Amino acid sequence: MADTHGFEGKLAVPDGDVLIHAGDLTMRGTRPQLEAVAQWLKSLPHRHKVVVAGNHDFLFENEPAAARALFRDFLYLEDAEVTVEGLRIWGSPWQPWFHSWAFNLHRGAPIDEKWKLIPEGLDLLVTHGPPAGYGDRCFDGREVGCEDLLRHLGRTKPRYHLFGHIHEARGQWEVAGMKLLNVTTNECELPVTVLDV
């Protein structure tokens, strides 16, 4: 799931082994908002909970130690990998500059440096922002996905790439043997995505 923005109480979350949240847990990323989300995540029955921050989750960018302390019971990934239930998962919160939100980087070299860190052989790549051309069209017609991320998908070839960020572009695509999924909950109007990996 992604983009729950504090509406998590309205979600019907199915049970499973691993829960993955691809960012925008809150509206503004304040400590009280993140505390509420952490309590909600703790209440879910999944054995493992993997979390990536999103552009609304400011505390993770501005006070990373405080945010990580709130999420110490979960697997928070920021340009990092974890193996869970035999699955290799890499997570990263960055996206090309989008208004004045958190985890913005300029297109080209600044964001490309982050995507160069993505290793090959992953089962799941979890980013907040989409690659160019997939789940990235805004309501006004702008396509805001990252060309550099798309290029690195071609290099790394994860089995699945999960992301959110653009609420109105939820969907899934198969590209060169990879499954790309915009798993936004669209402020709880859409269901949580369930994968059998």
N, C-alpha and C. Protein backbone atom coordinates (compact mmCIF):
# COMPACT_ATOMS: atom_id res chain seq x y z
N MET A 1 0.84 -1.18 0.00
CA MET A 1 0.00 0.00 0.00
C MET A 1 0.88 1.23 0.00
N ALA A 2 0.26 2.36 -0.33
CA ALA A 2 0.95 3.65 -0.29
C ALA A 2 -0.10 4.75 -0.15
N ASP A 3 0.35 5.91 0.28
CA ASP A 3 -0.49 7.11 0.30
C ASP A 3 -1.71 6.96 1.20
N THR A 4 -1.51 6.42 2.38
CA THR A 4 -2.63 6.31 3.32
C THR A 4 -2.90 7.65 4.00
N HIS A 5 -1.92 8.53 4.11
CA HIS A 5 -2.10 9.92 4.53
C HIS A 5 -2.92 10.10 5.81
N GLY A 6 -2.79 9.18 6.76
CA GLY A 6 -3.53 9.32 8.00
C GLY A 6 -4.94 8.77 7.97
N PHE A 7 -5.34 8.21 6.84
CA PHE A 7 -6.67 7.62 6.72
C PHE A 7 -6.64 6.11 6.98
N GLU A 8 -5.55 5.63 7.60
CA GLU A 8 -5.37 4.19 7.75
C GLU A 8 -6.51 3.51 8.49
N GLY A 9 -7.19 4.20 9.37
CA GLY A 9 -8.29 3.60 10.12
C GLY A 9 -9.46 3.18 9.26
N LYS A 10 -9.52 3.71 8.05
CA LYS A 10 -10.62 3.37 7.13
C LYS A 10 -10.28 2.18 6.23
N LEU A 11 -9.05 1.69 6.33
CA LEU A 11 -8.61 0.60 5.45
C LEU A 11 -8.94 -0.76 6.03
N ALA A 12 -9.40 -1.65 5.17
CA ALA A 12 -9.52 -3.07 5.53
C ALA A 12 -8.26 -3.75 5.01
N VAL A 13 -7.35 -4.06 5.90
CA VAL A 13 -6.06 -4.63 5.50
C VAL A 13 -6.11 -6.14 5.67
N PRO A 14 -5.96 -6.89 4.57
CA PRO A 14 -5.97 -8.35 4.70
C PRO A 14 -4.72 -8.85 5.41
N ASP A 15 -4.82 -10.00 6.05
CA ASP A 15 -3.68 -10.62 6.72
C ASP A 15 -2.67 -11.07 5.67
N GLY A 16 -1.47 -11.28 6.11
CA GLY A 16 -0.41 -11.76 5.23
C GLY A 16 0.87 -11.91 6.03
N ASP A 17 1.92 -12.34 5.37
CA ASP A 17 3.21 -12.50 6.03
C ASP A 17 3.97 -11.19 6.12
N VAL A 18 3.94 -10.42 5.02
CA VAL A 18 4.72 -9.18 4.94
C VAL A 18 3.80 -8.05 4.49
N LEU A 19 3.79 -6.96 5.24
CA LEU A 19 3.07 -5.76 4.85
C LEU A 19 4.10 -4.74 4.38
N ILE A 20 3.85 -4.13 3.21
CA ILE A 20 4.77 -3.13 2.67
C ILE A 20 4.01 -1.83 2.47
N HIS A 21 4.59 -0.75 2.99
CA HIS A 21 4.01 0.58 2.80
C HIS A 21 5.03 1.41 2.03
N ALA A 22 4.63 1.90 0.85
CA ALA A 22 5.53 2.62 -0.04
C ALA A 22 5.45 4.14 0.13
N GLY A 23 5.16 4.60 1.33
CA GLY A 23 5.30 6.01 1.64
C GLY A 23 4.03 6.84 1.60
N ASP A 24 4.17 8.04 2.14
CA ASP A 24 3.07 8.95 2.43
C ASP A 24 2.13 8.32 3.45
N LEU A 25 2.73 8.04 4.59
CA LEU A 25 2.00 7.50 5.73
C LEU A 25 1.11 8.58 6.36
N THR A 26 1.48 9.85 6.17
CA THR A 26 0.84 10.97 6.86
C THR A 26 0.51 12.09 5.87
N MET A 27 -0.07 13.15 6.41
CA MET A 27 -0.32 14.35 5.59
C MET A 27 0.87 15.32 5.64
N ARG A 28 1.49 15.48 6.81
CA ARG A 28 2.59 16.43 6.96
C ARG A 28 3.82 15.85 7.64
N GLY A 29 3.76 14.59 8.04
CA GLY A 29 4.92 13.96 8.64
C GLY A 29 5.31 14.50 9.99
N THR A 30 4.33 14.94 10.78
CA THR A 30 4.62 15.42 12.13
C THR A 30 4.80 14.23 13.07
N ARG A 31 5.41 14.50 14.20
CA ARG A 31 5.60 13.44 15.19
C ARG A 31 4.27 12.82 15.63
N PRO A 32 3.25 13.61 15.99
CA PRO A 32 1.97 12.99 16.38
C PRO A 32 1.34 12.15 15.26
N GLN A 33 1.46 12.62 14.03
CA GLN A 33 0.92 11.85 12.91
C GLN A 33 1.65 10.51 12.75
N LEU A 34 2.97 10.55 12.85
CA LEU A 34 3.74 9.31 12.72
C LEU A 34 3.52 8.38 13.91
N GLU A 35 3.34 8.95 15.10
CA GLU A 35 3.02 8.11 16.27
C GLU A 35 1.71 7.36 16.05
N ALA A 36 0.72 8.03 15.49
CA ALA A 36 -0.57 7.38 15.22
C ALA A 36 -0.43 6.27 14.20
N VAL A 37 0.35 6.51 13.16
CA VAL A 37 0.56 5.48 12.14
C VAL A 37 1.33 4.30 12.72
N ALA A 38 2.32 4.57 13.55
CA ALA A 38 3.07 3.48 14.18
C ALA A 38 2.16 2.61 15.03
N GLN A 39 1.26 3.22 15.78
CA GLN A 39 0.31 2.44 16.59
C GLN A 39 -0.59 1.58 15.70
N TRP A 40 -1.04 2.15 14.59
CA TRP A 40 -1.88 1.39 13.66
C TRP A 40 -1.10 0.20 13.07
N LEU A 41 0.14 0.46 12.63
CA LEU A 41 0.95 -0.63 12.08
C LEU A 41 1.17 -1.74 13.11
N LYS A 42 1.42 -1.34 14.36
CA LYS A 42 1.61 -2.34 15.42
C LYS A 42 0.36 -3.20 15.61
N SER A 43 -0.80 -2.64 15.35
CA SER A 43 -2.05 -3.38 15.56
C SER A 43 -2.32 -4.41 14.47
N LEU A 44 -1.60 -4.34 13.36
CA LEU A 44 -1.84 -5.27 12.25
C LEU A 44 -1.12 -6.59 12.51
N PRO A 45 -1.68 -7.71 12.04
CA PRO A 45 -1.15 -9.02 12.41
C PRO A 45 0.07 -9.50 11.63
N HIS A 46 0.52 -8.79 10.63
CA HIS A 46 1.62 -9.25 9.79
C HIS A 46 2.90 -9.42 10.60
N ARG A 47 3.64 -10.50 10.31
CA ARG A 47 4.89 -10.76 11.04
C ARG A 47 5.96 -9.72 10.73
N HIS A 48 5.95 -9.23 9.49
CA HIS A 48 6.96 -8.27 9.06
C HIS A 48 6.27 -7.07 8.44
N LYS A 49 6.79 -5.89 8.75
CA LYS A 49 6.24 -4.65 8.20
C LYS A 49 7.40 -3.82 7.65
N VAL A 50 7.40 -3.63 6.33
CA VAL A 50 8.45 -2.90 5.64
C VAL A 50 7.88 -1.53 5.27
N VAL A 51 8.63 -0.47 5.58
CA VAL A 51 8.14 0.88 5.37
C VAL A 51 9.19 1.72 4.64
N VAL A 52 8.72 2.49 3.67
CA VAL A 52 9.52 3.51 3.00
C VAL A 52 8.78 4.83 3.22
N ALA A 53 9.50 5.90 3.46
CA ALA A 53 8.86 7.21 3.62
C ALA A 53 8.45 7.75 2.26
N GLY A 54 7.59 8.77 2.30
CA GLY A 54 7.16 9.44 1.08
C GLY A 54 7.33 10.94 1.20
N ASN A 55 6.92 11.65 0.19
CA ASN A 55 7.15 13.08 0.15
C ASN A 55 6.35 13.87 1.20
N HIS A 56 5.36 13.26 1.83
CA HIS A 56 4.63 13.93 2.92
C HIS A 56 5.23 13.63 4.29
N ASP A 57 6.14 12.69 4.38
CA ASP A 57 6.65 12.21 5.66
C ASP A 57 7.90 12.97 6.10
N PHE A 58 7.72 14.26 6.38
CA PHE A 58 8.83 15.18 6.63
C PHE A 58 9.73 14.79 7.79
N LEU A 59 9.19 14.21 8.85
CA LEU A 59 10.02 13.90 10.01
C LEU A 59 11.17 12.95 9.64
N PHE A 60 10.92 12.03 8.70
CA PHE A 60 11.98 11.10 8.28
C PHE A 60 13.13 11.83 7.60
N GLU A 61 12.85 12.94 6.94
CA GLU A 61 13.92 13.70 6.30
C GLU A 61 14.53 14.72 7.26
N ASN A 62 13.69 15.42 8.03
CA ASN A 62 14.17 16.51 8.87
C ASN A 62 14.74 16.07 10.21
N GLU A 63 14.18 15.02 10.79
CA GLU A 63 14.66 14.48 12.06
C GLU A 63 14.70 12.95 11.96
N PRO A 64 15.63 12.44 11.15
CA PRO A 64 15.62 11.00 10.88
C PRO A 64 15.74 10.12 12.12
N ALA A 65 16.54 10.52 13.08
CA ALA A 65 16.70 9.68 14.29
C ALA A 65 15.38 9.59 15.05
N ALA A 66 14.65 10.69 15.16
CA ALA A 66 13.37 10.69 15.87
C ALA A 66 12.34 9.83 15.14
N ALA A 67 12.29 9.98 13.82
CA ALA A 67 11.33 9.19 13.03
C ALA A 67 11.65 7.70 13.11
N ARG A 68 12.92 7.38 12.96
CA ARG A 68 13.31 5.95 13.01
C ARG A 68 13.04 5.35 14.39
N ALA A 69 13.18 6.15 15.43
CA ALA A 69 12.88 5.65 16.78
C ALA A 69 11.41 5.29 16.89
N LEU A 70 10.54 6.10 16.31
CA LEU A 70 9.11 5.80 16.33
C LEU A 70 8.78 4.52 15.57
N PHE A 71 9.61 4.20 14.56
CA PHE A 71 9.37 3.05 13.70
C PHE A 71 10.35 1.92 13.95
N ARG A 72 10.91 1.87 15.16
CA ARG A 72 11.92 0.85 15.47
C ARG A 72 11.37 -0.58 15.42
N ASP A 73 10.05 -0.74 15.54
CA ASP A 73 9.46 -2.08 15.48
C ASP A 73 9.24 -2.57 14.05
N PHE A 74 9.58 -1.71 13.08
CA PHE A 74 9.34 -2.05 11.67
C PHE A 74 10.67 -2.01 10.92
N LEU A 75 10.64 -2.47 9.70
CA LEU A 75 11.82 -2.45 8.85
C LEU A 75 11.73 -1.21 7.96
N TYR A 76 12.34 -0.11 8.43
CA TYR A 76 12.33 1.13 7.65
C TYR A 76 13.51 1.11 6.68
N LEU A 77 13.22 1.33 5.40
CA LEU A 77 14.26 1.30 4.38
C LEU A 77 14.43 2.67 3.73
N GLU A 78 15.66 3.14 3.75
CA GLU A 78 16.01 4.38 3.05
C GLU A 78 17.33 4.11 2.34
N ASP A 79 17.22 3.76 1.08
CA ASP A 79 18.38 3.35 0.28
C ASP A 79 19.06 2.17 0.95
N ALA A 80 18.26 1.18 1.26
CA ALA A 80 18.77 0.01 1.99
C ALA A 80 18.00 -1.24 1.58
N GLU A 81 18.59 -2.38 1.91
CA GLU A 81 18.02 -3.69 1.57
C GLU A 81 17.79 -4.49 2.83
N VAL A 82 16.78 -5.34 2.78
CA VAL A 82 16.50 -6.30 3.84
C VAL A 82 16.01 -7.58 3.17
N THR A 83 16.28 -8.72 3.80
CA THR A 83 15.73 -9.98 3.32
C THR A 83 14.68 -10.42 4.33
N VAL A 84 13.47 -10.65 3.84
CA VAL A 84 12.33 -11.01 4.68
C VAL A 84 11.63 -12.21 4.05
N GLU A 85 11.47 -13.27 4.84
CA GLU A 85 10.80 -14.48 4.33
C GLU A 85 11.43 -14.95 3.03
N GLY A 86 12.75 -14.79 2.92
CA GLY A 86 13.47 -15.21 1.73
C GLY A 86 13.40 -14.26 0.56
N LEU A 87 12.74 -13.10 0.73
CA LEU A 87 12.61 -12.11 -0.34
C LEU A 87 13.59 -10.96 -0.12
N ARG A 88 14.33 -10.63 -1.16
CA ARG A 88 15.22 -9.47 -1.11
C ARG A 88 14.43 -8.22 -1.46
N ILE A 89 14.41 -7.27 -0.55
CA ILE A 89 13.62 -6.05 -0.72
C ILE A 89 14.54 -4.84 -0.55
N TRP A 90 14.47 -3.91 -1.49
CA TRP A 90 15.21 -2.65 -1.41
C TRP A 90 14.19 -1.53 -1.36
N GLY A 91 14.42 -0.53 -0.50
CA GLY A 91 13.50 0.59 -0.40
C GLY A 91 14.19 1.93 -0.48
N SER A 92 13.48 2.91 -1.08
CA SER A 92 14.02 4.26 -1.22
C SER A 92 12.88 5.27 -1.33
N PRO A 93 12.97 6.40 -0.61
CA PRO A 93 11.87 7.37 -0.57
C PRO A 93 11.91 8.47 -1.63
N TRP A 94 12.93 8.56 -2.44
CA TRP A 94 13.16 9.73 -3.29
C TRP A 94 12.23 9.79 -4.49
N GLN A 95 12.03 11.02 -4.99
CA GLN A 95 11.35 11.23 -6.25
C GLN A 95 11.89 12.51 -6.87
N PRO A 96 11.73 12.66 -8.21
CA PRO A 96 12.13 13.94 -8.82
C PRO A 96 11.36 15.09 -8.17
N TRP A 97 11.98 16.25 -8.14
CA TRP A 97 11.43 17.42 -7.44
C TRP A 97 9.94 17.56 -7.73
N PHE A 98 9.14 17.61 -6.66
CA PHE A 98 7.69 17.67 -6.76
C PHE A 98 7.19 18.66 -5.74
N HIS A 99 6.89 19.87 -6.17
CA HIS A 99 6.50 20.96 -5.28
C HIS A 99 7.59 21.14 -4.22
N SER A 100 7.24 21.42 -3.00
CA SER A 100 8.26 21.63 -1.95
C SER A 100 8.11 20.58 -0.86
N TRP A 101 8.07 19.33 -1.26
CA TRP A 101 7.85 18.24 -0.32
C TRP A 101 9.16 17.62 0.12
N ALA A 102 9.06 16.61 0.95
CA ALA A 102 10.24 15.89 1.44
C ALA A 102 10.79 14.95 0.37
N PHE A 103 12.04 14.59 0.52
CA PHE A 103 12.72 13.61 -0.33
C PHE A 103 12.68 13.97 -1.81
N ASN A 104 12.75 15.26 -2.10
CA ASN A 104 12.85 15.74 -3.48
C ASN A 104 14.32 15.79 -3.89
N LEU A 105 14.60 15.35 -5.09
CA LEU A 105 15.92 15.54 -5.69
C LEU A 105 15.72 16.00 -7.13
N HIS A 106 16.69 16.78 -7.61
CA HIS A 106 16.61 17.22 -9.00
C HIS A 106 16.86 16.05 -9.93
N ARG A 107 16.22 16.11 -11.09
CA ARG A 107 16.42 15.09 -12.12
C ARG A 107 17.87 15.11 -12.58
N GLY A 108 18.29 14.00 -13.15
CA GLY A 108 19.67 13.90 -13.62
C GLY A 108 20.57 13.36 -12.53
N ALA A 109 21.77 13.89 -12.44
CA ALA A 109 22.80 13.33 -11.55
C ALA A 109 22.36 13.20 -10.09
N PRO A 110 21.68 14.20 -9.48
CA PRO A 110 21.35 14.04 -8.05
C PRO A 110 20.49 12.81 -7.76
N ILE A 111 19.43 12.60 -8.54
CA ILE A 111 18.57 11.44 -8.25
C ILE A 111 19.19 10.15 -8.80
N ASP A 112 19.93 10.27 -9.88
CA ASP A 112 20.58 9.09 -10.46
C ASP A 112 21.55 8.46 -9.47
N GLU A 113 22.20 9.29 -8.63
CA GLU A 113 23.11 8.75 -7.62
C GLU A 113 22.38 7.82 -6.66
N LYS A 114 21.15 8.13 -6.32
CA LYS A 114 20.36 7.25 -5.44
C LYS A 114 20.02 5.95 -6.15
N TRP A 115 19.60 6.04 -7.42
CA TRP A 115 19.17 4.82 -8.13
C TRP A 115 20.36 3.92 -8.47
N LYS A 116 21.55 4.46 -8.55
CA LYS A 116 22.74 3.64 -8.78
C LYS A 116 22.97 2.66 -7.64
N LEU A 117 22.42 2.97 -6.46
CA LEU A 117 22.60 2.11 -5.29
C LEU A 117 21.73 0.84 -5.35
N ILE A 118 20.72 0.84 -6.20
CA ILE A 118 19.80 -0.31 -6.27
C ILE A 118 20.56 -1.52 -6.81
N PRO A 119 20.57 -2.62 -6.06
CA PRO A 119 21.29 -3.81 -6.52
C PRO A 119 20.46 -4.65 -7.50
N GLU A 120 21.13 -5.49 -8.19
CA GLU A 120 20.46 -6.45 -9.09
C GLU A 120 19.95 -7.63 -8.26
N GLY A 121 19.04 -8.40 -8.83
CA GLY A 121 18.57 -9.63 -8.21
C GLY A 121 17.53 -9.47 -7.13
N LEU A 122 16.88 -8.31 -7.07
CA LEU A 122 15.86 -8.08 -6.04
C LEU A 122 14.56 -8.80 -6.38
N ASP A 123 13.87 -9.20 -5.34
CA ASP A 123 12.49 -9.67 -5.53
C ASP A 123 11.55 -8.48 -5.57
N LEU A 124 11.76 -7.51 -4.66
CA LEU A 124 10.88 -6.35 -4.57
C LEU A 124 11.69 -5.07 -4.46
N LEU A 125 11.41 -4.14 -5.34
CA LEU A 125 11.93 -2.79 -5.23
C LEU A 125 10.76 -1.93 -4.78
N VAL A 126 10.94 -1.17 -3.71
CA VAL A 126 9.89 -0.31 -3.17
C VAL A 126 10.42 1.12 -3.18
N THR A 127 9.79 1.97 -4.00
CA THR A 127 10.12 3.38 -4.01
C THR A 127 8.83 4.15 -3.78
N HIS A 128 8.95 5.39 -3.35
CA HIS A 128 7.71 6.16 -3.22
C HIS A 128 7.25 6.63 -4.60
N GLY A 129 8.16 7.15 -5.38
CA GLY A 129 7.79 7.69 -6.68
C GLY A 129 7.85 6.66 -7.79
N PRO A 130 7.11 6.91 -8.89
CA PRO A 130 7.06 5.97 -10.00
C PRO A 130 8.18 6.18 -11.01
N PRO A 131 8.43 5.16 -11.82
CA PRO A 131 9.31 5.35 -12.97
C PRO A 131 8.55 6.09 -14.08
N ALA A 132 9.26 6.67 -14.99
CA ALA A 132 8.63 7.41 -16.09
C ALA A 132 7.75 6.48 -16.91
N GLY A 133 6.52 6.95 -17.17
CA GLY A 133 5.62 6.24 -18.08
C GLY A 133 4.74 5.19 -17.44
N TYR A 134 4.88 4.95 -16.15
CA TYR A 134 4.09 3.91 -15.48
C TYR A 134 3.53 4.46 -14.17
N GLY A 135 2.23 4.62 -14.11
CA GLY A 135 1.60 5.11 -12.88
C GLY A 135 2.05 6.49 -12.49
N ASP A 136 2.37 7.33 -13.48
CA ASP A 136 2.94 8.63 -13.16
C ASP A 136 2.17 9.82 -13.74
N ARG A 137 0.99 9.58 -14.31
CA ARG A 137 0.24 10.68 -14.93
C ARG A 137 -0.68 11.35 -13.91
N CYS A 138 -0.43 12.65 -13.70
CA CYS A 138 -1.25 13.44 -12.79
C CYS A 138 -2.58 13.79 -13.42
N PHE A 139 -3.52 14.23 -12.60
CA PHE A 139 -4.85 14.59 -13.09
C PHE A 139 -4.81 15.67 -14.16
N ASP A 140 -3.76 16.51 -14.16
CA ASP A 140 -3.66 17.59 -15.15
C ASP A 140 -2.91 17.16 -16.41
N GLY A 141 -2.57 15.87 -16.50
CA GLY A 141 -1.91 15.34 -17.69
C GLY A 141 -0.40 15.28 -17.62
N ARG A 142 0.20 15.93 -16.63
CA ARG A 142 1.66 15.87 -16.49
C ARG A 142 2.09 14.46 -16.13
N GLU A 143 3.19 14.00 -16.72
CA GLU A 143 3.80 12.73 -16.35
C GLU A 143 5.04 13.07 -15.53
N VAL A 144 5.04 12.66 -14.26
CA VAL A 144 6.07 13.11 -13.33
C VAL A 144 7.02 12.00 -12.90
N GLY A 145 6.93 10.83 -13.53
CA GLY A 145 7.81 9.73 -13.16
C GLY A 145 9.26 10.01 -13.51
N CYS A 146 10.13 9.18 -12.99
CA CYS A 146 11.57 9.39 -13.10
C CYS A 146 12.18 8.55 -14.23
N GLU A 147 12.76 9.24 -15.22
CA GLU A 147 13.41 8.55 -16.34
C GLU A 147 14.63 7.76 -15.86
N ASP A 148 15.36 8.32 -14.90
CA ASP A 148 16.54 7.62 -14.39
C ASP A 148 16.14 6.34 -13.66
N LEU A 149 15.05 6.38 -12.91
CA LEU A 149 14.57 5.17 -12.23
C LEU A 149 14.18 4.12 -13.26
N LEU A 150 13.50 4.53 -14.33
CA LEU A 150 13.13 3.58 -15.38
C LEU A 150 14.37 2.92 -15.98
N ARG A 151 15.40 3.72 -16.23
CA ARG A 151 16.64 3.18 -16.78
C ARG A 151 17.26 2.16 -15.83
N HIS A 152 17.25 2.46 -14.53
CA HIS A 152 17.84 1.53 -13.55
C HIS A 152 16.98 0.29 -13.35
N LEU A 153 15.69 0.38 -13.62
CA LEU A 153 14.87 -0.84 -13.62
C LEU A 153 15.37 -1.79 -14.70
N GLY A 154 15.71 -1.23 -15.86
CA GLY A 154 16.25 -2.06 -16.93
C GLY A 154 17.56 -2.72 -16.56
N ARG A 155 18.35 -2.06 -15.71
CA ARG A 155 19.63 -2.62 -15.26
C ARG A 155 19.44 -3.67 -14.18
N THR A 156 18.56 -3.39 -13.21
CA THR A 156 18.45 -4.23 -12.02
C THR A 156 17.41 -5.33 -12.14
N LYS A 157 16.36 -5.10 -12.92
CA LYS A 157 15.31 -6.08 -13.19
C LYS A 157 14.73 -6.77 -11.94
N PRO A 158 14.16 -5.99 -11.02
CA PRO A 158 13.49 -6.63 -9.87
C PRO A 158 12.24 -7.38 -10.36
N ARG A 159 11.85 -8.39 -9.64
CA ARG A 159 10.63 -9.11 -10.01
C ARG A 159 9.41 -8.20 -9.92
N TYR A 160 9.35 -7.41 -8.85
CA TYR A 160 8.25 -6.47 -8.63
C TYR A 160 8.81 -5.11 -8.27
N HIS A 161 8.15 -4.06 -8.76
CA HIS A 161 8.46 -2.70 -8.32
C HIS A 161 7.17 -2.10 -7.80
N LEU A 162 7.14 -1.81 -6.50
CA LEU A 162 5.97 -1.23 -5.84
C LEU A 162 6.24 0.25 -5.57
N PHE A 163 5.26 1.09 -5.86
CA PHE A 163 5.39 2.53 -5.63
C PHE A 163 4.00 3.13 -5.47
N GLY A 164 3.95 4.42 -5.18
CA GLY A 164 2.68 5.13 -5.05
C GLY A 164 2.86 6.53 -5.59
N HIS A 165 2.60 7.54 -4.74
CA HIS A 165 2.85 8.95 -5.01
C HIS A 165 1.77 9.61 -5.87
N ILE A 166 1.45 9.05 -7.02
CA ILE A 166 0.47 9.66 -7.90
C ILE A 166 -0.84 8.91 -7.74
N HIS A 167 -1.72 9.45 -6.91
CA HIS A 167 -2.95 8.76 -6.52
C HIS A 167 -3.82 8.37 -7.70
N GLU A 168 -3.94 9.27 -8.66
CA GLU A 168 -4.86 9.04 -9.76
C GLU A 168 -4.33 8.06 -10.81
N ALA A 169 -3.13 7.51 -10.58
CA ALA A 169 -2.51 6.64 -11.59
C ALA A 169 -2.31 5.21 -11.09
N ARG A 170 -3.13 4.79 -10.13
CA ARG A 170 -3.03 3.42 -9.62
C ARG A 170 -3.17 2.43 -10.77
N GLY A 171 -2.42 1.33 -10.69
CA GLY A 171 -2.52 0.30 -11.72
C GLY A 171 -1.32 -0.61 -11.68
N GLN A 172 -1.29 -1.54 -12.64
CA GLN A 172 -0.16 -2.44 -12.74
C GLN A 172 0.18 -2.71 -14.20
N TRP A 173 1.47 -2.94 -14.42
CA TRP A 173 1.98 -3.12 -15.77
C TRP A 173 3.04 -4.21 -15.72
N GLU A 174 3.16 -4.94 -16.83
CA GLU A 174 4.24 -5.92 -16.96
C GLU A 174 5.20 -5.40 -18.02
N VAL A 175 6.47 -5.28 -17.65
CA VAL A 175 7.48 -4.72 -18.52
C VAL A 175 8.72 -5.59 -18.45
N ALA A 176 9.08 -6.19 -19.56
CA ALA A 176 10.32 -6.99 -19.64
C ALA A 176 10.44 -7.99 -18.50
N GLY A 177 9.34 -8.66 -18.16
CA GLY A 177 9.35 -9.67 -17.11
C GLY A 177 9.22 -9.13 -15.70
N MET A 178 9.14 -7.82 -15.56
CA MET A 178 8.95 -7.19 -14.24
C MET A 178 7.50 -6.77 -14.09
N LYS A 179 6.99 -6.82 -12.88
CA LYS A 179 5.65 -6.31 -12.60
C LYS A 179 5.79 -4.98 -11.86
N LEU A 180 5.27 -3.92 -12.45
CA LEU A 180 5.31 -2.59 -11.86
C LEU A 180 3.92 -2.28 -11.34
N LEU A 181 3.83 -1.85 -10.07
CA LEU A 181 2.53 -1.61 -9.45
C LEU A 181 2.50 -0.29 -8.70
N ASN A 182 1.57 0.59 -9.10
CA ASN A 182 1.27 1.77 -8.31
C ASN A 182 0.21 1.32 -7.32
N VAL A 183 0.60 1.19 -6.05
CA VAL A 183 -0.25 0.58 -5.02
C VAL A 183 -0.89 1.62 -4.10
N THR A 184 -1.09 2.84 -4.61
CA THR A 184 -1.73 3.87 -3.80
C THR A 184 -3.11 3.39 -3.34
N THR A 185 -3.47 3.82 -2.15
CA THR A 185 -4.83 3.52 -1.68
C THR A 185 -5.77 4.65 -2.06
N ASN A 186 -5.22 5.70 -2.69
CA ASN A 186 -6.04 6.83 -3.15
C ASN A 186 -6.95 7.34 -2.06
N GLU A 187 -6.33 7.63 -0.92
CA GLU A 187 -7.05 8.11 0.25
C GLU A 187 -8.20 7.17 0.61
N CYS A 188 -7.89 5.89 0.55
CA CYS A 188 -8.76 4.81 1.02
C CYS A 188 -9.98 4.57 0.13
N GLU A 189 -10.00 5.11 -1.05
CA GLU A 189 -11.09 4.80 -1.98
C GLU A 189 -10.83 3.47 -2.69
N LEU A 190 -9.58 3.03 -2.70
CA LEU A 190 -9.21 1.80 -3.39
C LEU A 190 -8.68 0.79 -2.38
N PRO A 191 -8.78 -0.49 -2.70
CA PRO A 191 -8.33 -1.51 -1.74
C PRO A 191 -6.81 -1.63 -1.68
N VAL A 192 -6.36 -2.30 -0.64
CA VAL A 192 -4.95 -2.63 -0.49
C VAL A 192 -4.62 -3.69 -1.52
N THR A 193 -3.46 -3.57 -2.15
CA THR A 193 -3.01 -4.54 -3.15
C THR A 193 -2.46 -5.77 -2.43
N VAL A 194 -2.84 -6.95 -2.90
CA VAL A 194 -2.35 -8.19 -2.32
C VAL A 194 -1.55 -8.93 -3.38
N LEU A 195 -0.31 -9.32 -3.04
CA LEU A 195 0.55 -10.07 -3.94
C LEU A 195 0.84 -11.43 -3.34
N ASP A 196 0.90 -12.43 -4.19
CA ASP A 196 1.36 -13.75 -3.78
C ASP A 196 2.72 -13.94 -4.45
N VAL A 197 3.78 -13.59 -3.71
CA VAL A 197 5.13 -13.59 -4.29
C VAL A 197 5.81 -14.91 -3.99
